Amino acid sequence: MLEDGSADQLLRRMTPYSADITGSNAYWYQRRIELESTFEQKKAATVFFTFFYADNHWEDLHRLLPGGFSNDLSTRYLKVIKNPHFVDWYFWIRLNEFLKVVFDRILDFEWRWHRFE
């Protein structure tokens, strides 16, 4: 297929299937189309936030990690490095709770959209 140039045709046929693979280019392209459609219906968003995790400063997180909380900063760094899946899960929980409380309950937003990687 590479020699006769038909690989491009195969890739074009496979792209719709890769839209279900989280994080792929086709996945984010599909999310972009959905977001643009929402903007056409609801108008563009008026608030923009950037979130990041202070993973070495959350005592609650470090109490949940194996070995419990430590005052030693280097120990906390190592725990975060050894348990990235747990740290990501904890951030996801905290972010979703923040969005529910602030955007849905306090500000009573009609709609919201967010993404993180």
PDB file of N, CA and C in Angstrom:
ATOM      1  N   MET A   1       0.820  -1.193   0.000  1.00  0.00           N
ATOM      2  CA  MET A   1       0.000   0.000   0.000  1.00  0.00           C
ATOM      3  C   MET A   1       0.865   1.260   0.000  1.00  0.00           C
ATOM      4  N   LEU A   2       1.995   1.195   0.715  1.00  0.00           N
ATOM      5  CA  LEU A   2       2.872   2.349   0.750  1.00  0.00           C
ATOM      6  C   LEU A   2       3.487   2.620  -0.613  1.00  0.00           C
ATOM      7  N   GLU A   3       3.802   1.552  -1.333  1.00  0.00           N
ATOM      8  CA  GLU A   3       4.451   1.714  -2.629  1.00  0.00           C
ATOM      9  C   GLU A   3       3.513   2.287  -3.680  1.00  0.00           C
ATOM     10  N   ASP A   4       2.261   1.844  -3.679  1.00  0.00           N
ATOM     11  CA  ASP A   4       1.347   2.325  -4.718  1.00  0.00           C
ATOM     12  C   ASP A   4       0.539   3.559  -4.304  1.00  0.00           C
ATOM     13  N   GLY A   5       0.784   4.086  -3.087  1.00  0.00           N
ATOM     14  CA  GLY A   5       0.146   5.332  -2.666  1.00  0.00           C
ATOM     15  C   GLY A   5      -1.270   5.196  -2.139  1.00  0.00           C
ATOM     16  N   SER A   6      -1.738   3.970  -1.925  1.00  0.00           N
ATOM     17  CA  SER A   6      -3.119   3.797  -1.445  1.00  0.00           C
ATOM     18  C   SER A   6      -3.222   3.835   0.085  1.00  0.00           C
ATOM     19  N   ALA A   7      -2.114   4.069   0.775  1.00  0.00           N
ATOM     20  CA  ALA A   7      -2.139   4.139   2.238  1.00  0.00           C
ATOM     21  C   ALA A   7      -2.967   5.331   2.707  1.00  0.00           C
ATOM     22  N   ASP A   8      -2.916   6.434   1.974  1.00  0.00           N
ATOM     23  CA  ASP A   8      -3.717   7.610   2.339  1.00  0.00           C
ATOM     24  C   ASP A   8      -5.205   7.288   2.305  1.00  0.00           C
ATOM     25  N   GLN A   9      -5.600   6.516   1.314  1.00  0.00           N
ATOM     26  CA  GLN A   9      -7.015   6.133   1.205  1.00  0.00           C
ATOM     27  C   GLN A   9      -7.420   5.274   2.400  1.00  0.00           C
ATOM     28  N   LEU A  10      -6.570   4.376   2.822  1.00  0.00           N
ATOM     29  CA  LEU A  10      -6.853   3.533   3.987  1.00  0.00           C
ATOM     30  C   LEU A  10      -6.948   4.374   5.249  1.00  0.00           C
ATOM     31  N   LEU A  11      -6.033   5.321   5.425  1.00  0.00           N
ATOM     32  CA  LEU A  11      -6.058   6.187   6.601  1.00  0.00           C
ATOM     33  C   LEU A  11      -7.336   7.012   6.655  1.00  0.00           C
ATOM     34  N   ARG A  12      -7.794   7.517   5.519  1.00  0.00           N
ATOM     35  CA  ARG A  12      -9.037   8.289   5.489  1.00  0.00           C
ATOM     36  C   ARG A  12     -10.224   7.428   5.914  1.00  0.00           C
ATOM     37  N   ARG A  13     -10.206   6.158   5.551  1.00  0.00           N
ATOM     38  CA  ARG A  13     -11.288   5.256   5.933  1.00  0.00           C
ATOM     39  C   ARG A  13     -11.235   4.898   7.417  1.00  0.00           C
ATOM     40  N   MET A  14     -10.039   4.884   8.002  1.00  0.00           N
ATOM     41  CA  MET A  14      -9.885   4.494   9.410  1.00  0.00           C
ATOM     42  C   MET A  14     -10.144   5.650  10.372  1.00  0.00           C
ATOM     43  N   THR A  15     -10.009   6.881   9.922  1.00  0.00           N
ATOM     44  CA  THR A  15     -10.147   8.049  10.796  1.00  0.00           C
ATOM     45  C   THR A  15     -11.456   8.082  11.565  1.00  0.00           C
ATOM     46  N   PRO A  16     -12.609   7.843  10.943  1.00  0.00           N
ATOM     47  CA  PRO A  16     -13.854   7.869  11.728  1.00  0.00           C
ATOM     48  C   PRO A  16     -13.858   6.871  12.889  1.00  0.00           C
ATOM     49  N   TYR A  17     -13.201   5.747  12.723  1.00  0.00           N
ATOM     50  CA  TYR A  17     -13.155   4.745  13.790  1.00  0.00           C
ATOM     51  C   TYR A  17     -12.267   5.189  14.950  1.00  0.00           C
ATOM     52  N   SER A  18     -11.243   5.978  14.656  1.00  0.00           N
ATOM     53  CA  SER A  18     -10.339   6.415  15.718  1.00  0.00           C
ATOM     54  C   SER A  18     -10.925   7.565  16.533  1.00  0.00           C
ATOM     55  N   ALA A  19     -12.081   8.091  16.140  1.00  0.00           N
ATOM     56  CA  ALA A  19     -12.727   9.166  16.904  1.00  0.00           C
ATOM     57  C   ALA A  19     -13.178   8.678  18.276  1.00  0.00           C
ATOM     58  N   ASP A  20     -13.286   7.373  18.457  1.00  0.00           N
ATOM     59  CA  ASP A  20     -13.675   6.810  19.753  1.00  0.00           C
ATOM     60  C   ASP A  20     -12.474   6.551  20.662  1.00  0.00           C
ATOM     61  N   ILE A  21     -11.277   6.764  20.167  1.00  0.00           N
ATOM     62  CA  ILE A  21     -10.069   6.531  20.960  1.00  0.00           C
ATOM     63  C   ILE A  21      -9.717   7.834  21.676  1.00  0.00           C
ATOM     64  N   THR A  22      -9.942   7.850  22.991  1.00  0.00           N
ATOM     65  CA  THR A  22      -9.724   9.054  23.785  1.00  0.00           C
ATOM     66  C   THR A  22      -8.312   9.578  23.610  1.00  0.00           C
ATOM     67  N   GLY A  23      -8.207  10.876  23.301  1.00  0.00           N
ATOM     68  CA  GLY A  23      -6.909  11.517  23.154  1.00  0.00           C
ATOM     69  C   GLY A  23      -6.370  11.543  21.735  1.00  0.00           C
ATOM     70  N   SER A  24      -6.955  10.763  20.822  1.00  0.00           N
ATOM     71  CA  SER A  24      -6.463  10.758  19.442  1.00  0.00           C
ATOM     72  C   SER A  24      -6.848  12.070  18.757  1.00  0.00           C
ATOM     73  N   ASN A  25      -6.189  12.356  17.657  1.00  0.00           N
ATOM     74  CA  ASN A  25      -6.516  13.573  16.905  1.00  0.00           C
ATOM     75  C   ASN A  25      -7.970  13.551  16.444  1.00  0.00           C
ATOM     76  N   ALA A  26      -8.431  12.402  15.986  1.00  0.00           N
ATOM     77  CA  ALA A  26      -9.816  12.290  15.531  1.00  0.00           C
ATOM     78  C   ALA A  26     -10.794  12.495  16.687  1.00  0.00           C
ATOM     79  N   TYR A  27     -10.440  12.036  17.880  1.00  0.00           N
ATOM     80  CA  TYR A  27     -11.285  12.226  19.063  1.00  0.00           C
ATOM     81  C   TYR A  27     -11.440  13.715  19.361  1.00  0.00           C
ATOM     82  N   TRP A  28     -10.312  14.444  19.417  1.00  0.00           N
ATOM     83  CA  TRP A  28     -10.379  15.868  19.736  1.00  0.00           C
ATOM     84  C   TRP A  28     -11.022  16.665  18.613  1.00  0.00           C
ATOM     85  N   TYR A  29     -10.855  16.213  17.380  1.00  0.00           N
ATOM     86  CA  TYR A  29     -11.544  16.869  16.267  1.00  0.00           C
ATOM     87  C   TYR A  29     -13.052  16.728  16.430  1.00  0.00           C
ATOM     88  N   GLN A  30     -13.507  15.546  16.812  1.00  0.00           N
ATOM     89  CA  GLN A  30     -14.937  15.311  17.040  1.00  0.00           C
ATOM     90  C   GLN A  30     -15.449  16.179  18.186  1.00  0.00           C
ATOM     91  N   ARG A  31     -14.686  16.287  19.279  1.00  0.00           N
ATOM     92  CA  ARG A  31     -15.098  17.143  20.394  1.00  0.00           C
ATOM     93  C   ARG A  31     -15.161  18.609  19.951  1.00  0.00           C
ATOM     94  N   ARG A  32     -14.214  19.004  19.096  1.00  0.00           N
ATOM     95  CA  ARG A  32     -14.211  20.383  18.588  1.00  0.00           C
ATOM     96  C   ARG A  32     -15.472  20.674  17.784  1.00  0.00           C
ATOM     97  N   ILE A  33     -15.859  19.738  16.925  1.00  0.00           N
ATOM     98  CA  ILE A  33     -17.073  19.903  16.117  1.00  0.00           C
ATOM     99  C   ILE A  33     -18.292  20.020  17.034  1.00  0.00           C
ATOM    100  N   GLU A  34     -18.350  19.176  18.072  1.00  0.00           N
ATOM    101  CA  GLU A  34     -19.462  19.238  19.022  1.00  0.00           C
ATOM    102  C   GLU A  34     -19.495  20.585  19.740  1.00  0.00           C
ATOM    103  N   LEU A  35     -18.337  21.078  20.143  1.00  0.00           N
ATOM    104  CA  LEU A  35     -18.265  22.360  20.835  1.00  0.00           C
ATOM    105  C   LEU A  35     -18.670  23.508  19.915  1.00  0.00           C
ATOM    106  N   GLU A  36     -18.215  23.480  18.679  1.00  0.00           N
ATOM    107  CA  GLU A  36     -18.600  24.522  17.724  1.00  0.00           C
ATOM    108  C   GLU A  36     -20.103  24.511  17.481  1.00  0.00           C
ATOM    109  N   SER A  37     -20.697  23.324  17.431  1.00  0.00           N
ATOM    110  CA  SER A  37     -22.151  23.218  17.272  1.00  0.00           C
ATOM    111  C   SER A  37     -22.878  23.811  18.471  1.00  0.00           C
ATOM    112  N   THR A  38     -22.346  23.554  19.657  1.00  0.00           N
ATOM    113  CA  THR A  38     -22.935  24.128  20.867  1.00  0.00           C
ATOM    114  C   THR A  38     -22.840  25.640  20.831  1.00  0.00           C
ATOM    115  N   PHE A  39     -21.694  26.176  20.404  1.00  0.00           N
ATOM    116  CA  PHE A  39     -21.527  27.627  20.297  1.00  0.00           C
ATOM    117  C   PHE A  39     -22.543  28.231  19.328  1.00  0.00           C
ATOM    118  N   GLU A  40     -22.830  27.520  18.238  1.00  0.00           N
ATOM    119  CA  GLU A  40     -23.813  28.025  17.284  1.00  0.00           C
ATOM    120  C   GLU A  40     -25.201  28.117  17.924  1.00  0.00           C
ATOM    121  N   GLN A  41     -25.513  27.160  18.802  1.00  0.00           N
ATOM    122  CA  GLN A  41     -26.833  27.146  19.441  1.00  0.00           C
ATOM    123  C   GLN A  41     -26.911  28.075  20.646  1.00  0.00           C
ATOM    124  N   LYS A  42     -25.885  28.052  21.487  1.00  0.00           N
ATOM    125  CA  LYS A  42     -25.923  28.764  22.773  1.00  0.00           C
ATOM    126  C   LYS A  42     -25.125  30.058  22.786  1.00  0.00           C
ATOM    127  N   LYS A  43     -24.338  30.288  21.774  1.00  0.00           N
ATOM    128  CA  LYS A  43     -23.391  31.405  21.690  1.00  0.00           C
ATOM    129  C   LYS A  43     -22.124  31.053  22.468  1.00  0.00           C
ATOM    130  N   ALA A  44     -21.075  31.770  22.172  1.00  0.00           N
ATOM    131  CA  ALA A  44     -19.760  31.444  22.743  1.00  0.00           C
ATOM    132  C   ALA A  44     -19.743  31.610  24.263  1.00  0.00           C
ATOM    133  N   ALA A  45     -18.880  30.848  24.894  1.00  0.00           N
ATOM    134  CA  ALA A  45     -18.732  30.903  26.351  1.00  0.00           C
ATOM    135  C   ALA A  45     -18.193  32.267  26.775  1.00  0.00           C
ATOM    136  N   THR A  46     -18.520  32.656  27.990  1.00  0.00           N
ATOM    137  CA  THR A  46     -18.076  33.960  28.471  1.00  0.00           C
ATOM    138  C   THR A  46     -17.073  33.847  29.616  1.00  0.00           C
ATOM    139  N   VAL A  47     -16.725  32.640  30.020  1.00  0.00           N
ATOM    140  CA  VAL A  47     -15.790  32.434  31.118  1.00  0.00           C
ATOM    141  C   VAL A  47     -14.728  31.440  30.660  1.00  0.00           C
ATOM    142  N   PHE A  48     -13.480  31.714  31.021  1.00  0.00           N
ATOM    143  CA  PHE A  48     -12.394  30.799  30.706  1.00  0.00           C
ATOM    144  C   PHE A  48     -11.550  30.618  31.957  1.00  0.00           C
ATOM    145  N   PHE A  49     -11.294  29.373  32.338  1.00  0.00           N
ATOM    146  CA  PHE A  49     -10.476  29.056  33.508  1.00  0.00           C
ATOM    147  C   PHE A  49      -9.389  28.073  33.115  1.00  0.00           C
ATOM    148  N   THR A  50      -8.279  28.157  33.798  1.00  0.00           N
ATOM    149  CA  THR A  50      -7.230  27.154  33.686  1.00  0.00           C
ATOM    150  C   THR A  50      -7.014  26.570  35.075  1.00  0.00           C
ATOM    151  N   PHE A  51      -7.010  25.266  35.159  1.00  0.00           N
ATOM    152  CA  PHE A  51      -6.816  24.582  36.434  1.00  0.00           C
ATOM    153  C   PHE A  51      -5.515  23.785  36.373  1.00  0.00           C
ATOM    154  N   PHE A  52      -4.839  23.708  37.480  1.00  0.00           N
ATOM    155  CA  PHE A  52      -3.681  22.835  37.582  1.00  0.00           C
ATOM    156  C   PHE A  52      -3.659  22.286  39.005  1.00  0.00           C
ATOM    157  N   TYR A  53      -2.977  21.167  39.183  1.00  0.00           N
ATOM    158  CA  TYR A  53      -2.988  20.628  40.533  1.00  0.00           C
ATOM    159  C   TYR A  53      -1.732  20.941  41.296  1.00  0.00           C
ATOM    160  N   ALA A  54      -1.993  21.291  42.554  1.00  0.00           N
ATOM    161  CA  ALA A  54      -0.917  21.554  43.502  1.00  0.00           C
ATOM    162  C   ALA A  54      -0.675  20.260  44.265  1.00  0.00           C
ATOM    163  N   ASP A  55      -0.278  19.240  43.529  1.00  0.00           N
ATOM    164  CA  ASP A  55      -0.235  17.880  44.072  1.00  0.00           C
ATOM    165  C   ASP A  55       0.678  17.703  45.276  1.00  0.00           C
ATOM    166  N   ASN A  56       1.665  18.533  45.435  1.00  0.00           N
ATOM    167  CA  ASN A  56       2.547  18.385  46.595  1.00  0.00           C
ATOM    168  C   ASN A  56       2.089  19.209  47.797  1.00  0.00           C
ATOM    169  N   HIS A  57       0.988  19.914  47.651  1.00  0.00           N
ATOM    170  CA  HIS A  57       0.492  20.768  48.726  1.00  0.00           C
ATOM    171  C   HIS A  57      -0.861  20.312  49.274  1.00  0.00           C
ATOM    172  N   TRP A  58      -1.461  19.303  48.682  1.00  0.00           N
ATOM    173  CA  TRP A  58      -2.747  18.791  49.154  1.00  0.00           C
ATOM    174  C   TRP A  58      -2.502  17.741  50.238  1.00  0.00           C
ATOM    175  N   GLU A  59      -2.661  18.135  51.470  1.00  0.00           N
ATOM    176  CA  GLU A  59      -2.465  17.190  52.572  1.00  0.00           C
ATOM    177  C   GLU A  59      -3.464  16.039  52.487  1.00  0.00           C
ATOM    178  N   ASP A  60      -4.697  16.344  52.072  1.00  0.00           N
ATOM    179  CA  ASP A  60      -5.711  15.285  51.944  1.00  0.00           C
ATOM    180  C   ASP A  60      -5.258  14.208  50.958  1.00  0.00           C
ATOM    181  N   LEU A  61      -4.688  14.628  49.844  1.00  0.00           N
ATOM    182  CA  LEU A  61      -4.188  13.671  48.863  1.00  0.00           C
ATOM    183  C   LEU A  61      -3.092  12.810  49.470  1.00  0.00           C
ATOM    184  N   HIS A  62      -2.158  13.425  50.153  1.00  0.00           N
ATOM    185  CA  HIS A  62      -1.021  12.685  50.699  1.00  0.00           C
ATOM    186  C   HIS A  62      -1.423  11.769  51.848  1.00  0.00           C
ATOM    187  N   ARG A  63      -2.512  12.068  52.520  1.00  0.00           N
ATOM    188  CA  ARG A  63      -3.020  11.144  53.539  1.00  0.00           C
ATOM    189  C   ARG A  63      -3.574   9.878  52.892  1.00  0.00           C
ATOM    190  N   LEU A  64      -4.063   9.994  51.652  1.00  0.00           N
ATOM    191  CA  LEU A  64      -4.623   8.849  50.945  1.00  0.00           C
ATOM    192  C   LEU A  64      -3.565   8.005  50.237  1.00  0.00           C
ATOM    193  N   LEU A  65      -2.430   8.601  49.921  1.00  0.00           N
ATOM    194  CA  LEU A  65      -1.374   7.861  49.227  1.00  0.00           C
ATOM    195  C   LEU A  65      -0.742   6.830  50.166  1.00  0.00           C
ATOM    196  N   PRO A  66      -0.170   5.765  49.601  1.00  0.00           N
ATOM    197  CA  PRO A  66       0.478   4.760  50.441  1.00  0.00           C
ATOM    198  C   PRO A  66       1.537   5.382  51.352  1.00  0.00           C
ATOM    199  N   GLY A  67       1.507   5.030  52.618  1.00  0.00           N
ATOM    200  CA  GLY A  67       2.453   5.560  53.582  1.00  0.00           C
ATOM    201  C   GLY A  67       1.951   6.779  54.328  1.00  0.00           C
ATOM    202  N   GLY A  68       0.824   7.348  53.892  1.00  0.00           N
ATOM    203  CA  GLY A  68       0.236   8.488  54.586  1.00  0.00           C
ATOM    204  C   GLY A  68       0.987   9.783  54.381  1.00  0.00           C
ATOM    205  N   PHE A  69       0.571  10.814  55.118  1.00  0.00           N
ATOM    206  CA  PHE A  69       1.143  12.153  54.993  1.00  0.00           C
ATOM    207  C   PHE A  69       2.545  12.210  55.591  1.00  0.00           C
ATOM    208  N   SER A  70       3.403  12.989  54.945  1.00  0.00           N
ATOM    209  CA  SER A  70       4.754  13.207  55.439  1.00  0.00           C
ATOM    210  C   SER A  70       5.068  14.691  55.347  1.00  0.00           C
ATOM    211  N   ASN A  71       5.761  15.225  56.353  1.00  0.00           N
ATOM    212  CA  ASN A  71       6.186  16.620  56.302  1.00  0.00           C
ATOM    213  C   ASN A  71       7.388  16.822  55.387  1.00  0.00           C
ATOM    214  N   ASP A  72       8.059  15.726  55.050  1.00  0.00           N
ATOM    215  CA  ASP A  72       9.241  15.785  54.196  1.00  0.00           C
ATOM    216  C   ASP A  72       8.814  15.979  52.737  1.00  0.00           C
ATOM    217  N   LEU A  73       9.180  17.115  52.152  1.00  0.00           N
ATOM    218  CA  LEU A  73       8.763  17.449  50.797  1.00  0.00           C
ATOM    219  C   LEU A  73       9.280  16.454  49.758  1.00  0.00           C
ATOM    220  N   SER A  74      10.493  15.972  49.912  1.00  0.00           N
ATOM    221  CA  SER A  74      11.043  15.014  48.938  1.00  0.00           C
ATOM    222  C   SER A  74      10.272  13.700  48.974  1.00  0.00           C
ATOM    223  N   THR A  75       9.788  13.298  50.155  1.00  0.00           N
ATOM    224  CA  THR A  75       8.960  12.094  50.253  1.00  0.00           C
ATOM    225  C   THR A  75       7.650  12.300  49.510  1.00  0.00           C
ATOM    226  N   ARG A  76       7.071  13.481  49.642  1.00  0.00           N
ATOM    227  CA  ARG A  76       5.824  13.776  48.930  1.00  0.00           C
ATOM    228  C   ARG A  76       6.041  13.741  47.421  1.00  0.00           C
ATOM    229  N   TYR A  77       7.147  14.323  46.943  1.00  0.00           N
ATOM    230  CA  TYR A  77       7.456  14.295  45.510  1.00  0.00           C
ATOM    231  C   TYR A  77       7.525  12.858  45.000  1.00  0.00           C
ATOM    232  N   LEU A  78       8.225  12.008  45.737  1.00  0.00           N
ATOM    233  CA  LEU A  78       8.364  10.616  45.317  1.00  0.00           C
ATOM    234  C   LEU A  78       7.021   9.899  45.278  1.00  0.00           C
ATOM    235  N   LYS A  79       6.169  10.157  46.270  1.00  0.00           N
ATOM    236  CA  LYS A  79       4.841   9.525  46.284  1.00  0.00           C
ATOM    237  C   LYS A  79       4.016   9.932  45.069  1.00  0.00           C
ATOM    238  N   VAL A  80       4.101  11.200  44.712  1.00  0.00           N
ATOM    239  CA  VAL A  80       3.360  11.690  43.546  1.00  0.00           C
ATOM    240  C   VAL A  80       3.893  11.027  42.274  1.00  0.00           C
ATOM    241  N   ILE A  81       5.199  10.925  42.155  1.00  0.00           N
ATOM    242  CA  ILE A  81       5.812  10.308  40.976  1.00  0.00           C
ATOM    243  C   ILE A  81       5.450   8.827  40.872  1.00  0.00           C
ATOM    244  N   LYS A  82       5.394   8.134  42.012  1.00  0.00           N
ATOM    245  CA  LYS A  82       5.101   6.699  42.009  1.00  0.00           C
ATOM    246  C   LYS A  82       3.610   6.387  41.846  1.00  0.00           C
ATOM    247  N   ASN A  83       2.739   7.373  42.056  1.00  0.00           N
ATOM    248  CA  ASN A  83       1.293   7.135  42.003  1.00  0.00           C
ATOM    249  C   ASN A  83       0.572   8.153  41.118  1.00  0.00           C
ATOM    250  N   PRO A  84       1.005   8.332  39.868  1.00  0.00           N
ATOM    251  CA  PRO A  84       0.390   9.361  39.029  1.00  0.00           C
ATOM    252  C   PRO A  84      -1.084   9.091  38.736  1.00  0.00           C
ATOM    253  N   HIS A  85      -1.459   7.830  38.607  1.00  0.00           N
ATOM    254  CA  HIS A  85      -2.864   7.487  38.342  1.00  0.00           C
ATOM    255  C   HIS A  85      -3.759   7.923  39.496  1.00  0.00           C
ATOM    256  N   PHE A  86      -3.280   7.770  40.709  1.00  0.00           N
ATOM    257  CA  PHE A  86      -4.048   8.156  41.889  1.00  0.00           C
ATOM    258  C   PHE A  86      -4.151   9.687  41.984  1.00  0.00           C
ATOM    259  N   VAL A  87      -3.057  10.375  41.694  1.00  0.00           N
ATOM    260  CA  VAL A  87      -3.043  11.835  41.731  1.00  0.00           C
ATOM    261  C   VAL A  87      -3.997  12.398  40.672  1.00  0.00           C
ATOM    262  N   ASP A  88      -3.996  11.821  39.477  1.00  0.00           N
ATOM    263  CA  ASP A  88      -4.918  12.256  38.422  1.00  0.00           C
ATOM    264  C   ASP A  88      -6.366  12.040  38.831  1.00  0.00           C
ATOM    265  N   TRP A  89      -6.637  10.877  39.426  1.00  0.00           N
ATOM    266  CA  TRP A  89      -8.005  10.577  39.894  1.00  0.00           C
ATOM    267  C   TRP A  89      -8.439  11.606  40.939  1.00  0.00           C
ATOM    268  N   TYR A  90      -7.564  11.916  41.884  1.00  0.00           N
ATOM    269  CA  TYR A  90      -7.880  12.865  42.948  1.00  0.00           C
ATOM    270  C   TYR A  90      -8.154  14.256  42.363  1.00  0.00           C
ATOM    271  N   PHE A  91      -7.329  14.672  41.401  1.00  0.00           N
ATOM    272  CA  PHE A  91      -7.552  15.964  40.751  1.00  0.00           C
ATOM    273  C   PHE A  91      -8.895  15.972  40.040  1.00  0.00           C
ATOM    274  N   TRP A  92      -9.224  14.899  39.337  1.00  0.00           N
ATOM    275  CA  TRP A  92     -10.483  14.795  38.603  1.00  0.00           C
ATOM    276  C   TRP A  92     -11.673  14.926  39.562  1.00  0.00           C
ATOM    277  N   ILE A  93     -11.585  14.257  40.719  1.00  0.00           N
ATOM    278  CA  ILE A  93     -12.656  14.341  41.715  1.00  0.00           C
ATOM    279  C   ILE A  93     -12.798  15.781  42.211  1.00  0.00           C
ATOM    280  N   ARG A  94     -11.693  16.390  42.575  1.00  0.00           N
ATOM    281  CA  ARG A  94     -11.747  17.769  43.097  1.00  0.00           C
ATOM    282  C   ARG A  94     -12.231  18.754  42.044  1.00  0.00           C
ATOM    283  N   LEU A  95     -11.775  18.621  40.812  1.00  0.00           N
ATOM    284  CA  LEU A  95     -12.200  19.514  39.741  1.00  0.00           C
ATOM    285  C   LEU A  95     -13.697  19.394  39.494  1.00  0.00           C
ATOM    286  N   ASN A  96     -14.195  18.167  39.409  1.00  0.00           N
ATOM    287  CA  ASN A  96     -15.627  17.975  39.162  1.00  0.00           C
ATOM    288  C   ASN A  96     -16.478  18.514  40.300  1.00  0.00           C
ATOM    289  N   GLU A  97     -16.037  18.346  41.529  1.00  0.00           N
ATOM    290  CA  GLU A  97     -16.780  18.908  42.664  1.00  0.00           C
ATOM    291  C   GLU A  97     -16.783  20.430  42.595  1.00  0.00           C
ATOM    292  N   PHE A  98     -15.642  21.021  42.270  1.00  0.00           N
ATOM    293  CA  PHE A  98     -15.555  22.474  42.131  1.00  0.00           C
ATOM    294  C   PHE A  98     -16.515  22.965  41.047  1.00  0.00           C
ATOM    295  N   LEU A  99     -16.504  22.302  39.898  1.00  0.00           N
ATOM    296  CA  LEU A  99     -17.376  22.714  38.800  1.00  0.00           C
ATOM    297  C   LEU A  99     -18.847  22.603  39.179  1.00  0.00           C
ATOM    298  N   LYS A 100     -19.210  21.516  39.859  1.00  0.00           N
ATOM    299  CA  LYS A 100     -20.607  21.340  40.285  1.00  0.00           C
ATOM    300  C   LYS A 100     -21.035  22.432  41.250  1.00  0.00           C
ATOM    301  N   VAL A 101     -20.212  22.682  42.246  1.00  0.00           N
ATOM    302  CA  VAL A 101     -20.586  23.655  43.275  1.00  0.00           C
ATOM    303  C   VAL A 101     -20.589  25.072  42.704  1.00  0.00           C
ATOM    304  N   VAL A 102     -19.484  25.479  42.072  1.00  0.00           N
ATOM    305  CA  VAL A 102     -19.363  26.872  41.633  1.00  0.00           C
ATOM    306  C   VAL A 102     -20.216  27.160  40.397  1.00  0.00           C
ATOM    307  N   PHE A 103     -20.042  26.381  39.357  1.00  0.00           N
ATOM    308  CA  PHE A 103     -20.733  26.694  38.111  1.00  0.00           C
ATOM    309  C   PHE A 103     -22.210  26.292  38.120  1.00  0.00           C
ATOM    310  N   ASP A 104     -22.505  25.100  38.630  1.00  0.00           N
ATOM    311  CA  ASP A 104     -23.886  24.619  38.570  1.00  0.00           C
ATOM    312  C   ASP A 104     -24.756  25.184  39.682  1.00  0.00           C
ATOM    313  N   ARG A 105     -24.252  25.192  40.912  1.00  0.00           N
ATOM    314  CA  ARG A 105     -25.088  25.618  42.044  1.00  0.00           C
ATOM    315  C   ARG A 105     -25.017  27.114  42.311  1.00  0.00           C
ATOM    316  N   ILE A 106     -23.811  27.657  42.438  1.00  0.00           N
ATOM    317  CA  ILE A 106     -23.675  29.068  42.813  1.00  0.00           C
ATOM    318  C   ILE A 106     -23.975  29.992  41.628  1.00  0.00           C
ATOM    319  N   LEU A 107     -23.309  29.772  40.506  1.00  0.00           N
ATOM    320  CA  LEU A 107     -23.482  30.655  39.350  1.00  0.00           C
ATOM    321  C   LEU A 107     -24.664  30.266  38.471  1.00  0.00           C
ATOM    322  N   ASP A 108     -25.181  29.063  38.654  1.00  0.00           N
ATOM    323  CA  ASP A 108     -26.352  28.578  37.914  1.00  0.00           C
ATOM    324  C   ASP A 108     -26.173  28.714  36.400  1.00  0.00           C
ATOM    325  N   PHE A 109     -25.025  28.230  35.899  1.00  0.00           N
ATOM    326  CA  PHE A 109     -24.742  28.286  34.471  1.00  0.00           C
ATOM    327  C   PHE A 109     -25.732  27.423  33.704  1.00  0.00           C
ATOM    328  N   GLU A 110     -26.095  27.894  32.530  1.00  0.00           N
ATOM    329  CA  GLU A 110     -26.999  27.131  31.672  1.00  0.00           C
ATOM    330  C   GLU A 110     -26.282  25.917  31.088  1.00  0.00           C
ATOM    331  N   TRP A 111     -25.015  26.099  30.713  1.00  0.00           N
ATOM    332  CA  TRP A 111     -24.220  24.993  30.195  1.00  0.00           C
ATOM    333  C   TRP A 111     -22.751  25.294  30.450  1.00  0.00           C
ATOM    334  N   ARG A 112     -21.961  24.242  30.457  1.00  0.00           N
ATOM    335  CA  ARG A 112     -20.521  24.393  30.605  1.00  0.00           C
ATOM    336  C   ARG A 112     -19.826  23.257  29.883  1.00  0.00           C
ATOM    337  N   TRP A 113     -18.594  23.516  29.499  1.00  0.00           N
ATOM    338  CA  TRP A 113     -17.783  22.519  28.798  1.00  0.00           C
ATOM    339  C   TRP A 113     -16.375  22.639  29.329  1.00  0.00           C
ATOM    340  N   HIS A 114     -15.743  21.506  29.562  1.00  0.00           N
ATOM    341  CA  HIS A 114     -14.353  21.536  30.002  1.00  0.00           C
ATOM    342  C   HIS A 114     -13.616  20.320  29.478  1.00  0.00           C
ATOM    343  N   ARG A 115     -12.323  20.446  29.447  1.00  0.00           N
ATOM    344  CA  ARG A 115     -11.479  19.319  29.061  1.00  0.00           C
ATOM    345  C   ARG A 115     -10.187  19.420  29.839  1.00  0.00           C
ATOM    346  N   PHE A 116      -9.558  18.295  30.035  1.00  0.00           N
ATOM    347  CA  PHE A 116      -8.234  18.296  30.639  1.00  0.00           C
ATOM    348  C   PHE A 116      -7.476  17.096  30.118  1.00  0.00           C
ATOM    349  N   GLU A 117      -6.181  17.206  30.186  1.00  0.00           N
ATOM    350  CA  GLU A 117      -5.319  16.134  29.681  1.00  0.00           C
ATOM    351  C   GLU A 117      -4.345  15.715  30.744  1.00  0.00           C
TER     352      GLU A 117
END
